[in-house]
Amino acid sequence: MKICIVIANYYPEISKNLTLGAEEVLEKFGLKNFKKIISPGIFEIPFIISKNIDSYDAFISLGCVIKGETPHFDFISSTTFNSIQSLSVKYKKPIGNGIITCLNKTQAEKRSNTKEKNKGGEAAKAVLSILEIANNDTK
């Protein structure tokens, strides 16, 4: 099983923790050989996934958007999430969404904390669940 983690590195500490959470889940499942691709921000994640869609069985998208004073947060988040969902449905490939949207950095730190409910780990669990369901449907 080939899995690619696409990591938006705009907030490096947050992204690092989300990645650690995803890696921990994948390694517990016995997957140690997964690819990681760094993206400058979340908006670029769908492009990276689309360029690599035929090379992997599943993807995990990780990153963080923190609300500022303009509507930019809303546009970037909804456009990225819609694009990721469209790619998943079009290509019939699971794409775990571990992109967190937060109102402030404190929320982001909490949602990426490796000792709590790390959203990167949750995205990895979702992908593994969908892969299991898809494999059982073909048997």
N, C-alpha and C. Protein backbone atom coordinates (compact mmCIF):
# COMPACT_ATOMS: atom_id res chain seq x y z
N MET A 1 0.85 -1.18 0.00
CA MET A 1 0.00 0.00 0.00
C MET A 1 0.90 1.24 0.00
N LYS A 2 0.67 2.11 -0.95
CA LYS A 2 1.48 3.32 -1.07
C LYS A 2 0.66 4.55 -0.64
N ILE A 3 1.17 5.23 0.38
CA ILE A 3 0.49 6.41 0.90
C ILE A 3 1.43 7.60 0.83
N CYS A 4 0.88 8.73 0.44
CA CYS A 4 1.63 9.98 0.35
C CYS A 4 1.04 11.00 1.33
N ILE A 5 1.90 11.58 2.14
CA ILE A 5 1.48 12.65 3.05
C ILE A 5 1.92 13.97 2.43
N VAL A 6 0.96 14.86 2.21
CA VAL A 6 1.27 16.19 1.66
C VAL A 6 1.12 17.19 2.80
N ILE A 7 2.20 17.88 3.09
CA ILE A 7 2.27 18.72 4.29
C ILE A 7 2.47 20.18 3.92
N ALA A 8 1.49 21.01 4.25
CA ALA A 8 1.64 22.46 4.08
C ALA A 8 2.50 22.97 5.25
N ASN A 9 3.57 23.63 4.91
CA ASN A 9 4.55 23.99 5.94
C ASN A 9 4.51 25.47 6.30
N TYR A 10 3.37 26.10 6.15
CA TYR A 10 3.26 27.54 6.45
C TYR A 10 3.48 27.81 7.93
N TYR A 11 2.98 26.91 8.78
CA TYR A 11 3.22 26.97 10.22
C TYR A 11 4.04 25.72 10.58
N PRO A 12 5.37 25.80 10.51
CA PRO A 12 6.21 24.60 10.62
C PRO A 12 6.01 23.77 11.89
N GLU A 13 5.85 24.39 13.04
CA GLU A 13 5.68 23.62 14.28
C GLU A 13 4.36 22.86 14.29
N ILE A 14 3.32 23.52 13.82
CA ILE A 14 2.00 22.88 13.75
C ILE A 14 2.06 21.71 12.76
N SER A 15 2.63 21.95 11.60
CA SER A 15 2.74 20.91 10.57
C SER A 15 3.57 19.73 11.06
N LYS A 16 4.64 20.03 11.77
CA LYS A 16 5.50 18.96 12.31
C LYS A 16 4.69 18.05 13.24
N ASN A 17 3.89 18.62 14.12
CA ASN A 17 3.10 17.83 15.05
C ASN A 17 2.00 17.04 14.33
N LEU A 18 1.36 17.66 13.34
CA LEU A 18 0.35 16.93 12.56
C LEU A 18 0.99 15.74 11.85
N THR A 19 2.18 15.96 11.31
CA THR A 19 2.90 14.89 10.61
C THR A 19 3.28 13.77 11.57
N LEU A 20 3.77 14.13 12.74
CA LEU A 20 4.11 13.11 13.74
C LEU A 20 2.89 12.26 14.10
N GLY A 21 1.74 12.90 14.24
CA GLY A 21 0.51 12.17 14.55
C GLY A 21 0.13 11.19 13.44
N ALA A 22 0.23 11.64 12.19
CA ALA A 22 -0.10 10.77 11.06
C ALA A 22 0.89 9.62 10.95
N GLU A 23 2.18 9.92 11.11
CA GLU A 23 3.20 8.88 11.02
C GLU A 23 3.02 7.82 12.10
N GLU A 24 2.68 8.25 13.29
CA GLU A 24 2.48 7.30 14.39
C GLU A 24 1.37 6.31 14.07
N VAL A 25 0.27 6.81 13.53
CA VAL A 25 -0.85 5.93 13.18
C VAL A 25 -0.45 4.97 12.06
N LEU A 26 0.20 5.49 11.03
CA LEU A 26 0.60 4.63 9.90
C LEU A 26 1.59 3.56 10.35
N GLU A 27 2.53 3.94 11.20
CA GLU A 27 3.52 2.97 11.69
C GLU A 27 2.89 1.90 12.58
N LYS A 28 1.90 2.30 13.39
CA LYS A 28 1.18 1.30 14.20
C LYS A 28 0.46 0.29 13.31
N PHE A 29 0.04 0.74 12.15
CA PHE A 29 -0.65 -0.13 11.19
C PHE A 29 0.34 -0.98 10.40
N GLY A 30 1.63 -0.72 10.58
CA GLY A 30 2.66 -1.50 9.90
C GLY A 30 3.21 -0.85 8.64
N LEU A 31 2.80 0.37 8.38
CA LEU A 31 3.30 1.09 7.20
C LEU A 31 4.47 1.97 7.60
N LYS A 32 5.60 1.73 7.00
CA LYS A 32 6.78 2.52 7.33
C LYS A 32 7.35 3.23 6.11
N ASN A 33 6.92 2.81 4.95
CA ASN A 33 7.47 3.35 3.72
C ASN A 33 6.43 4.23 3.01
N PHE A 34 6.26 5.44 3.53
CA PHE A 34 5.33 6.37 2.91
C PHE A 34 6.11 7.61 2.47
N LYS A 35 5.61 8.25 1.46
CA LYS A 35 6.26 9.42 0.89
C LYS A 35 5.71 10.68 1.58
N LYS A 36 6.58 11.66 1.77
CA LYS A 36 6.16 12.96 2.29
C LYS A 36 6.57 14.03 1.28
N ILE A 37 5.62 14.89 0.95
CA ILE A 37 5.89 16.01 0.05
C ILE A 37 5.51 17.29 0.80
N ILE A 38 6.42 18.25 0.78
CA ILE A 38 6.19 19.53 1.46
C ILE A 38 5.58 20.53 0.48
N SER A 39 4.53 21.19 0.93
CA SER A 39 3.85 22.22 0.16
C SER A 39 4.03 23.55 0.89
N PRO A 40 4.12 24.66 0.15
CA PRO A 40 4.28 25.95 0.84
C PRO A 40 3.06 26.35 1.67
N GLY A 41 1.88 25.94 1.25
CA GLY A 41 0.64 26.27 1.96
C GLY A 41 -0.44 25.28 1.61
N ILE A 42 -1.62 25.43 2.22
CA ILE A 42 -2.69 24.47 1.96
C ILE A 42 -3.27 24.61 0.56
N PHE A 43 -3.27 25.82 0.02
CA PHE A 43 -3.87 26.06 -1.29
C PHE A 43 -3.21 25.22 -2.39
N GLU A 44 -1.93 24.91 -2.21
CA GLU A 44 -1.18 24.16 -3.21
C GLU A 44 -1.33 22.64 -3.08
N ILE A 45 -1.91 22.18 -1.98
CA ILE A 45 -2.04 20.74 -1.74
C ILE A 45 -2.82 20.03 -2.84
N PRO A 46 -3.98 20.53 -3.29
CA PRO A 46 -4.69 19.80 -4.35
C PRO A 46 -3.87 19.64 -5.63
N PHE A 47 -3.08 20.63 -5.98
CA PHE A 47 -2.24 20.51 -7.16
C PHE A 47 -1.22 19.38 -6.98
N ILE A 48 -0.57 19.35 -5.83
CA ILE A 48 0.43 18.32 -5.56
C ILE A 48 -0.21 16.93 -5.61
N ILE A 49 -1.38 16.81 -5.01
CA ILE A 49 -2.08 15.52 -5.05
C ILE A 49 -2.42 15.14 -6.49
N SER A 50 -2.95 16.09 -7.26
CA SER A 50 -3.35 15.77 -8.64
C SER A 50 -2.15 15.36 -9.49
N LYS A 51 -0.99 15.95 -9.25
CA LYS A 51 0.22 15.58 -10.00
C LYS A 51 0.70 14.17 -9.64
N ASN A 52 0.35 13.70 -8.47
CA ASN A 52 0.83 12.41 -7.97
C ASN A 52 -0.28 11.37 -7.83
N ILE A 53 -1.47 11.64 -8.32
CA ILE A 53 -2.65 10.82 -8.05
C ILE A 53 -2.48 9.37 -8.52
N ASP A 54 -1.77 9.15 -9.61
CA ASP A 54 -1.62 7.79 -10.13
C ASP A 54 -0.52 7.00 -9.44
N SER A 55 0.27 7.64 -8.62
CA SER A 55 1.42 6.98 -8.00
C SER A 55 1.15 6.42 -6.61
N TYR A 56 -0.02 6.75 -6.03
CA TYR A 56 -0.30 6.34 -4.64
C TYR A 56 -1.71 5.80 -4.52
N ASP A 57 -1.89 4.97 -3.49
CA ASP A 57 -3.22 4.41 -3.20
C ASP A 57 -4.07 5.38 -2.39
N ALA A 58 -3.43 6.26 -1.64
CA ALA A 58 -4.15 7.20 -0.78
C ALA A 58 -3.23 8.36 -0.42
N PHE A 59 -3.85 9.42 0.04
CA PHE A 59 -3.12 10.62 0.44
C PHE A 59 -3.62 11.09 1.80
N ILE A 60 -2.75 11.80 2.49
CA ILE A 60 -3.13 12.47 3.73
C ILE A 60 -2.66 13.91 3.58
N SER A 61 -3.59 14.84 3.66
CA SER A 61 -3.24 16.26 3.54
C SER A 61 -3.20 16.87 4.94
N LEU A 62 -2.10 17.58 5.22
CA LEU A 62 -1.90 18.16 6.54
C LEU A 62 -1.51 19.63 6.41
N GLY A 63 -1.97 20.43 7.36
CA GLY A 63 -1.61 21.84 7.37
C GLY A 63 -2.51 22.60 8.32
N CYS A 64 -2.35 23.89 8.29
CA CYS A 64 -3.09 24.74 9.22
C CYS A 64 -3.39 26.08 8.58
N VAL A 65 -4.59 26.57 8.83
CA VAL A 65 -4.98 27.92 8.45
C VAL A 65 -5.51 28.59 9.71
N ILE A 66 -4.98 29.77 10.00
CA ILE A 66 -5.43 30.54 11.16
C ILE A 66 -6.12 31.79 10.66
N LYS A 67 -7.32 32.03 11.17
CA LYS A 67 -8.14 33.16 10.73
C LYS A 67 -7.45 34.48 11.04
N GLY A 68 -7.44 35.32 10.04
CA GLY A 68 -6.91 36.67 10.21
C GLY A 68 -8.05 37.67 10.21
N GLU A 69 -7.75 38.86 9.76
CA GLU A 69 -8.75 39.94 9.78
C GLU A 69 -9.52 40.09 8.48
N THR A 70 -9.21 39.26 7.48
CA THR A 70 -9.90 39.38 6.19
C THR A 70 -10.59 38.05 5.86
N PRO A 71 -11.42 38.03 4.83
CA PRO A 71 -12.11 36.79 4.44
C PRO A 71 -11.20 35.76 3.76
N HIS A 72 -9.93 36.06 3.60
CA HIS A 72 -8.98 35.15 2.95
C HIS A 72 -9.07 33.74 3.53
N PHE A 73 -9.15 33.63 4.83
CA PHE A 73 -9.26 32.36 5.56
C PHE A 73 -10.40 31.51 4.99
N ASP A 74 -11.57 32.12 4.82
CA ASP A 74 -12.74 31.40 4.33
C ASP A 74 -12.56 30.92 2.90
N PHE A 75 -12.02 31.78 2.04
CA PHE A 75 -11.83 31.42 0.63
C PHE A 75 -10.80 30.31 0.47
N ILE A 76 -9.67 30.45 1.14
CA ILE A 76 -8.60 29.45 1.04
C ILE A 76 -9.08 28.10 1.58
N SER A 77 -9.72 28.12 2.74
CA SER A 77 -10.17 26.87 3.36
C SER A 77 -11.21 26.16 2.50
N SER A 78 -12.25 26.87 2.11
CA SER A 78 -13.32 26.20 1.36
C SER A 78 -12.84 25.76 -0.03
N THR A 79 -12.05 26.56 -0.69
CA THR A 79 -11.54 26.17 -2.01
C THR A 79 -10.67 24.93 -1.91
N THR A 80 -9.79 24.90 -0.93
CA THR A 80 -8.89 23.76 -0.76
C THR A 80 -9.67 22.50 -0.40
N PHE A 81 -10.59 22.61 0.56
CA PHE A 81 -11.37 21.43 0.99
C PHE A 81 -12.22 20.90 -0.16
N ASN A 82 -12.85 21.79 -0.92
CA ASN A 82 -13.66 21.35 -2.06
C ASN A 82 -12.80 20.67 -3.12
N SER A 83 -11.61 21.20 -3.37
CA SER A 83 -10.72 20.60 -4.36
C SER A 83 -10.25 19.22 -3.93
N ILE A 84 -9.91 19.08 -2.66
CA ILE A 84 -9.48 17.78 -2.14
C ILE A 84 -10.60 16.77 -2.27
N GLN A 85 -11.80 17.14 -1.90
CA GLN A 85 -12.95 16.24 -1.99
C GLN A 85 -13.22 15.85 -3.45
N SER A 86 -13.13 16.81 -4.35
CA SER A 86 -13.36 16.53 -5.77
C SER A 86 -12.33 15.54 -6.31
N LEU A 87 -11.07 15.70 -5.93
CA LEU A 87 -10.03 14.77 -6.37
C LEU A 87 -10.30 13.37 -5.83
N SER A 88 -10.69 13.28 -4.59
CA SER A 88 -10.95 11.98 -3.97
C SER A 88 -12.08 11.25 -4.69
N VAL A 89 -13.15 11.95 -4.97
CA VAL A 89 -14.30 11.34 -5.64
C VAL A 89 -13.98 11.02 -7.10
N LYS A 90 -13.37 11.96 -7.80
CA LYS A 90 -13.07 11.76 -9.22
C LYS A 90 -12.15 10.56 -9.44
N TYR A 91 -11.11 10.45 -8.63
CA TYR A 91 -10.11 9.40 -8.83
C TYR A 91 -10.33 8.17 -7.94
N LYS A 92 -11.38 8.22 -7.12
CA LYS A 92 -11.72 7.11 -6.23
C LYS A 92 -10.53 6.72 -5.36
N LYS A 93 -9.91 7.74 -4.78
CA LYS A 93 -8.77 7.55 -3.89
C LYS A 93 -9.06 8.25 -2.57
N PRO A 94 -8.81 7.59 -1.45
CA PRO A 94 -9.02 8.26 -0.17
C PRO A 94 -7.98 9.37 0.03
N ILE A 95 -8.47 10.50 0.49
CA ILE A 95 -7.60 11.62 0.85
C ILE A 95 -8.03 12.09 2.24
N GLY A 96 -7.22 11.79 3.22
CA GLY A 96 -7.53 12.22 4.58
C GLY A 96 -7.26 13.70 4.73
N ASN A 97 -8.22 14.39 5.30
CA ASN A 97 -8.09 15.83 5.46
C ASN A 97 -7.67 16.15 6.90
N GLY A 98 -6.39 16.38 7.07
CA GLY A 98 -5.85 16.78 8.36
C GLY A 98 -5.44 18.23 8.36
N ILE A 99 -6.12 19.02 7.56
CA ILE A 99 -5.88 20.46 7.54
C ILE A 99 -6.77 21.08 8.61
N ILE A 100 -6.14 21.72 9.56
CA ILE A 100 -6.93 22.31 10.64
C ILE A 100 -7.18 23.79 10.35
N THR A 101 -8.39 24.22 10.66
CA THR A 101 -8.78 25.62 10.51
C THR A 101 -9.07 26.15 11.91
N CYS A 102 -8.34 27.17 12.30
CA CYS A 102 -8.41 27.65 13.68
C CYS A 102 -8.59 29.16 13.73
N LEU A 103 -9.13 29.61 14.84
CA LEU A 103 -9.31 31.04 15.04
C LEU A 103 -8.06 31.71 15.60
N ASN A 104 -7.17 30.91 16.18
CA ASN A 104 -5.93 31.47 16.75
C ASN A 104 -4.89 30.36 16.87
N LYS A 105 -3.67 30.78 17.19
CA LYS A 105 -2.56 29.83 17.27
C LYS A 105 -2.73 28.85 18.45
N THR A 106 -3.34 29.29 19.53
CA THR A 106 -3.57 28.41 20.68
C THR A 106 -4.44 27.22 20.27
N GLN A 107 -5.50 27.47 19.51
CA GLN A 107 -6.35 26.39 19.00
C GLN A 107 -5.54 25.45 18.11
N ALA A 108 -4.71 26.02 17.25
CA ALA A 108 -3.91 25.20 16.34
C ALA A 108 -2.94 24.30 17.11
N GLU A 109 -2.33 24.86 18.12
CA GLU A 109 -1.40 24.07 18.94
C GLU A 109 -2.12 22.93 19.64
N LYS A 110 -3.31 23.18 20.13
CA LYS A 110 -4.09 22.15 20.82
C LYS A 110 -4.51 21.04 19.85
N ARG A 111 -4.97 21.41 18.67
CA ARG A 111 -5.47 20.43 17.71
C ARG A 111 -4.35 19.64 17.03
N SER A 112 -3.11 20.13 17.16
CA SER A 112 -1.97 19.41 16.58
C SER A 112 -1.13 18.72 17.66
N ASN A 113 -1.51 18.86 18.90
CA ASN A 113 -0.75 18.30 20.01
C ASN A 113 -0.67 16.78 19.88
N THR A 114 0.54 16.25 19.95
CA THR A 114 0.72 14.80 19.77
C THR A 114 0.26 14.00 20.97
N LYS A 115 -0.01 14.65 22.08
CA LYS A 115 -0.46 13.94 23.28
C LYS A 115 -1.98 14.01 23.45
N GLU A 116 -2.65 14.73 22.56
CA GLU A 116 -4.11 14.85 22.61
C GLU A 116 -4.70 14.31 21.31
N LYS A 117 -5.85 14.82 20.93
CA LYS A 117 -6.49 14.39 19.67
C LYS A 117 -5.81 15.09 18.50
N ASN A 118 -4.73 14.53 18.07
CA ASN A 118 -3.95 15.09 16.95
C ASN A 118 -4.72 14.87 15.65
N LYS A 119 -5.02 15.93 14.95
CA LYS A 119 -5.83 15.84 13.73
C LYS A 119 -5.08 15.17 12.58
N GLY A 120 -3.75 15.17 12.61
CA GLY A 120 -2.98 14.43 11.62
C GLY A 120 -3.19 12.94 11.78
N GLY A 121 -3.17 12.49 13.03
CA GLY A 121 -3.43 11.08 13.33
C GLY A 121 -4.85 10.69 12.96
N GLU A 122 -5.80 11.58 13.22
CA GLU A 122 -7.19 11.29 12.86
C GLU A 122 -7.36 11.16 11.35
N ALA A 123 -6.67 12.00 10.58
CA ALA A 123 -6.74 11.91 9.12
C ALA A 123 -6.15 10.59 8.63
N ALA A 124 -5.06 10.15 9.24
CA ALA A 124 -4.45 8.87 8.87
C ALA A 124 -5.40 7.71 9.19
N LYS A 125 -6.04 7.76 10.36
CA LYS A 125 -7.01 6.71 10.73
C LYS A 125 -8.16 6.66 9.71
N ALA A 126 -8.63 7.82 9.29
CA ALA A 126 -9.73 7.88 8.32
C ALA A 126 -9.32 7.23 7.00
N VAL A 127 -8.11 7.53 6.53
CA VAL A 127 -7.63 6.96 5.28
C VAL A 127 -7.53 5.44 5.39
N LEU A 128 -6.96 4.96 6.48
CA LEU A 128 -6.83 3.51 6.66
C LEU A 128 -8.19 2.83 6.73
N SER A 129 -9.15 3.48 7.36
CA SER A 129 -10.51 2.92 7.43
C SER A 129 -11.14 2.83 6.05
N ILE A 130 -10.99 3.86 5.26
CA ILE A 130 -11.57 3.86 3.90
C ILE A 130 -10.89 2.81 3.03
N LEU A 131 -9.57 2.69 3.15
CA LEU A 131 -8.86 1.66 2.39
C LEU A 131 -9.36 0.27 2.77
N GLU A 132 -9.61 0.05 4.05
CA GLU A 132 -10.12 -1.25 4.50
C GLU A 132 -11.52 -1.51 3.93
N ILE A 133 -12.37 -0.49 3.98
CA ILE A 133 -13.72 -0.64 3.42
C ILE A 133 -13.65 -0.93 1.92
N ALA A 134 -12.80 -0.20 1.20
CA ALA A 134 -12.68 -0.39 -0.24
C ALA A 134 -12.15 -1.79 -0.56
N ASN A 135 -11.20 -2.27 0.22
CA ASN A 135 -10.66 -3.61 -0.02
C ASN A 135 -11.68 -4.69 0.29
N ASN A 136 -12.53 -4.48 1.30
CA ASN A 136 -13.56 -5.45 1.62
C ASN A 136 -14.68 -5.47 0.59
N ASP A 137 -14.93 -4.34 -0.07
CA ASP A 137 -15.96 -4.27 -1.10
C ASP A 137 -15.59 -5.09 -2.33
N THR A 138 -14.29 -5.28 -2.56
CA THR A 138 -13.87 -5.99 -3.76
C THR A 138 -13.75 -7.48 -3.54
N LYS A 139 -13.97 -7.95 -2.29
CA LYS A 139 -13.82 -9.38 -1.99
C LYS A 139 -15.16 -10.11 -2.08
